[in-house]
Amino acid sequence: MITPPEWHKSSYSPNGSNCVEAREHIGGADVRDTQNREAGHLEFTRSEWTALVNAVRGR
């Protein structure tokens, strides 16, 4: 049985403010609002997620 990936808080989200959580998986990643989890999440393909991470890192 494959264990689903765990949600974790973004390292770019400071404590006590508006935060996002992410969970990476083989197909890409999902992102959701920490304070409004019931609203669902956004899904990114592997290439979309890689492009976003590289842009944030300035690559």
N, C-alpha and C. Protein backbone atom coordinates (compact mmCIF):
# COMPACT_ATOMS: atom_id res chain seq x y z
N MET A 1 0.83 -1.18 0.00
CA MET A 1 0.00 0.00 0.00
C MET A 1 0.88 1.25 0.00
N ILE A 2 0.55 2.20 -0.85
CA ILE A 2 1.30 3.45 -0.94
C ILE A 2 0.71 4.45 0.05
N THR A 3 1.56 5.02 0.89
CA THR A 3 1.12 6.03 1.84
C THR A 3 1.02 7.37 1.14
N PRO A 4 -0.12 8.08 1.29
CA PRO A 4 -0.24 9.40 0.65
C PRO A 4 0.78 10.37 1.24
N PRO A 5 1.24 11.32 0.45
CA PRO A 5 2.21 12.29 0.96
C PRO A 5 1.60 13.15 2.06
N GLU A 6 2.45 13.61 2.95
CA GLU A 6 2.02 14.46 4.06
C GLU A 6 1.98 15.92 3.64
N TRP A 7 1.02 16.67 4.16
CA TRP A 7 0.98 18.12 3.98
C TRP A 7 2.03 18.72 4.90
N HIS A 8 2.72 19.76 4.44
CA HIS A 8 3.65 20.48 5.30
C HIS A 8 3.58 21.96 4.98
N LYS A 9 3.87 22.76 5.98
CA LYS A 9 3.82 24.22 5.84
C LYS A 9 5.00 24.67 4.98
N SER A 10 4.76 25.61 4.11
CA SER A 10 5.81 26.15 3.27
C SER A 10 6.88 26.83 4.13
N SER A 11 8.13 26.63 3.78
CA SER A 11 9.22 27.28 4.51
C SER A 11 9.24 28.78 4.23
N TYR A 12 8.49 29.22 3.23
CA TYR A 12 8.41 30.65 2.90
C TYR A 12 7.27 31.35 3.64
N SER A 13 6.51 30.60 4.45
CA SER A 13 5.40 31.17 5.20
C SER A 13 5.86 31.45 6.63
N PRO A 14 5.91 32.72 7.02
CA PRO A 14 6.32 33.04 8.39
C PRO A 14 5.27 32.59 9.41
N ASN A 15 5.68 32.40 10.65
CA ASN A 15 4.76 31.99 11.71
C ASN A 15 3.71 33.06 11.98
N GLY A 16 2.47 32.61 12.21
CA GLY A 16 1.40 33.51 12.60
C GLY A 16 0.86 34.39 11.50
N SER A 17 1.15 34.08 10.26
CA SER A 17 0.63 34.89 9.16
C SER A 17 -0.11 34.01 8.17
N ASN A 18 -0.43 34.56 7.02
CA ASN A 18 -1.09 33.79 5.98
C ASN A 18 -0.12 32.73 5.47
N CYS A 19 -0.51 31.48 5.61
CA CYS A 19 0.39 30.38 5.27
C CYS A 19 -0.22 29.48 4.21
N VAL A 20 0.65 28.78 3.54
CA VAL A 20 0.21 27.74 2.62
C VAL A 20 0.89 26.43 3.02
N GLU A 21 0.23 25.33 2.67
CA GLU A 21 0.78 24.00 2.89
C GLU A 21 0.93 23.34 1.53
N ALA A 22 1.92 22.49 1.42
CA ALA A 22 2.15 21.77 0.17
C ALA A 22 2.36 20.29 0.47
N ARG A 23 2.08 19.47 -0.53
CA ARG A 23 2.44 18.05 -0.47
C ARG A 23 2.93 17.67 -1.86
N GLU A 24 4.16 17.23 -1.92
CA GLU A 24 4.74 16.81 -3.19
C GLU A 24 4.47 15.33 -3.41
N HIS A 25 4.29 14.97 -4.67
CA HIS A 25 4.07 13.58 -5.03
C HIS A 25 4.67 13.35 -6.41
N ILE A 26 4.66 12.13 -6.86
CA ILE A 26 5.31 11.75 -8.12
C ILE A 26 4.79 12.57 -9.31
N GLY A 27 3.53 12.96 -9.28
CA GLY A 27 2.95 13.69 -10.41
C GLY A 27 3.08 15.19 -10.33
N GLY A 28 3.56 15.72 -9.19
CA GLY A 28 3.67 17.16 -9.03
C GLY A 28 3.51 17.56 -7.58
N ALA A 29 2.55 18.45 -7.32
CA ALA A 29 2.31 18.91 -5.94
C ALA A 29 0.93 19.52 -5.82
N ASP A 30 0.45 19.53 -4.59
CA ASP A 30 -0.82 20.17 -4.25
C ASP A 30 -0.51 21.27 -3.24
N VAL A 31 -1.28 22.36 -3.29
CA VAL A 31 -1.08 23.49 -2.39
C VAL A 31 -2.44 23.92 -1.85
N ARG A 32 -2.48 24.23 -0.54
CA ARG A 32 -3.73 24.69 0.06
C ARG A 32 -3.45 25.79 1.09
N ASP A 33 -4.49 26.52 1.43
CA ASP A 33 -4.44 27.57 2.44
C ASP A 33 -4.53 26.92 3.81
N THR A 34 -3.55 27.16 4.66
CA THR A 34 -3.53 26.55 5.99
C THR A 34 -4.76 26.91 6.81
N GLN A 35 -5.21 28.15 6.70
CA GLN A 35 -6.33 28.60 7.53
C GLN A 35 -7.69 28.30 6.91
N ASN A 36 -7.73 27.77 5.71
CA ASN A 36 -9.00 27.48 5.04
C ASN A 36 -8.89 26.16 4.28
N ARG A 37 -8.51 25.12 4.98
CA ARG A 37 -8.28 23.81 4.35
C ARG A 37 -9.52 23.24 3.69
N GLU A 38 -10.70 23.59 4.22
CA GLU A 38 -11.95 23.05 3.68
C GLU A 38 -12.22 23.54 2.26
N ALA A 39 -11.57 24.62 1.85
CA ALA A 39 -11.79 25.20 0.52
C ALA A 39 -11.17 24.36 -0.59
N GLY A 40 -10.39 23.35 -0.24
CA GLY A 40 -9.76 22.52 -1.25
C GLY A 40 -8.32 22.91 -1.48
N HIS A 41 -7.79 22.48 -2.62
CA HIS A 41 -6.39 22.75 -2.92
C HIS A 41 -6.19 22.95 -4.42
N LEU A 42 -5.05 23.51 -4.75
CA LEU A 42 -4.64 23.66 -6.15
C LEU A 42 -3.71 22.51 -6.50
N GLU A 43 -3.83 22.00 -7.71
CA GLU A 43 -2.98 20.90 -8.16
C GLU A 43 -2.03 21.39 -9.25
N PHE A 44 -0.76 21.05 -9.11
CA PHE A 44 0.25 21.43 -10.08
C PHE A 44 0.91 20.17 -10.65
N THR A 45 1.13 20.16 -11.96
CA THR A 45 1.85 19.05 -12.56
C THR A 45 3.32 19.13 -12.13
N ARG A 46 4.05 18.09 -12.40
CA ARG A 46 5.47 18.06 -12.04
C ARG A 46 6.23 19.22 -12.68
N SER A 47 5.98 19.48 -13.97
CA SER A 47 6.70 20.56 -14.65
C SER A 47 6.27 21.93 -14.13
N GLU A 48 5.00 22.11 -13.82
CA GLU A 48 4.53 23.38 -13.25
C GLU A 48 5.17 23.63 -11.88
N TRP A 49 5.18 22.59 -11.04
CA TRP A 49 5.75 22.72 -9.70
C TRP A 49 7.25 23.01 -9.76
N THR A 50 7.95 22.33 -10.64
CA THR A 50 9.39 22.56 -10.80
C THR A 50 9.66 23.99 -11.25
N ALA A 51 8.87 24.49 -12.19
CA ALA A 51 9.03 25.87 -12.67
C ALA A 51 8.78 26.87 -11.54
N LEU A 52 7.76 26.63 -10.73
CA LEU A 52 7.46 27.53 -9.61
C LEU A 52 8.59 27.53 -8.59
N VAL A 53 9.05 26.36 -8.19
CA VAL A 53 10.13 26.26 -7.21
C VAL A 53 11.40 26.92 -7.74
N ASN A 54 11.72 26.69 -8.99
CA ASN A 54 12.91 27.32 -9.58
C ASN A 54 12.77 28.84 -9.63
N ALA A 55 11.58 29.34 -9.91
CA ALA A 55 11.35 30.79 -9.96
C ALA A 55 11.51 31.39 -8.56
N VAL A 56 10.99 30.73 -7.55
CA VAL A 56 11.11 31.23 -6.18
C VAL A 56 12.57 31.22 -5.74
N ARG A 57 13.31 30.22 -6.17
CA ARG A 57 14.73 30.12 -5.81
C ARG A 57 15.61 31.02 -6.67
N GLY A 58 15.05 31.64 -7.68
CA GLY A 58 15.80 32.55 -8.55
C GLY A 58 16.68 31.85 -9.56
N ARG A 59 16.27 30.67 -10.00
CA ARG A 59 17.06 29.91 -10.99
C ARG A 59 16.55 30.17 -12.39
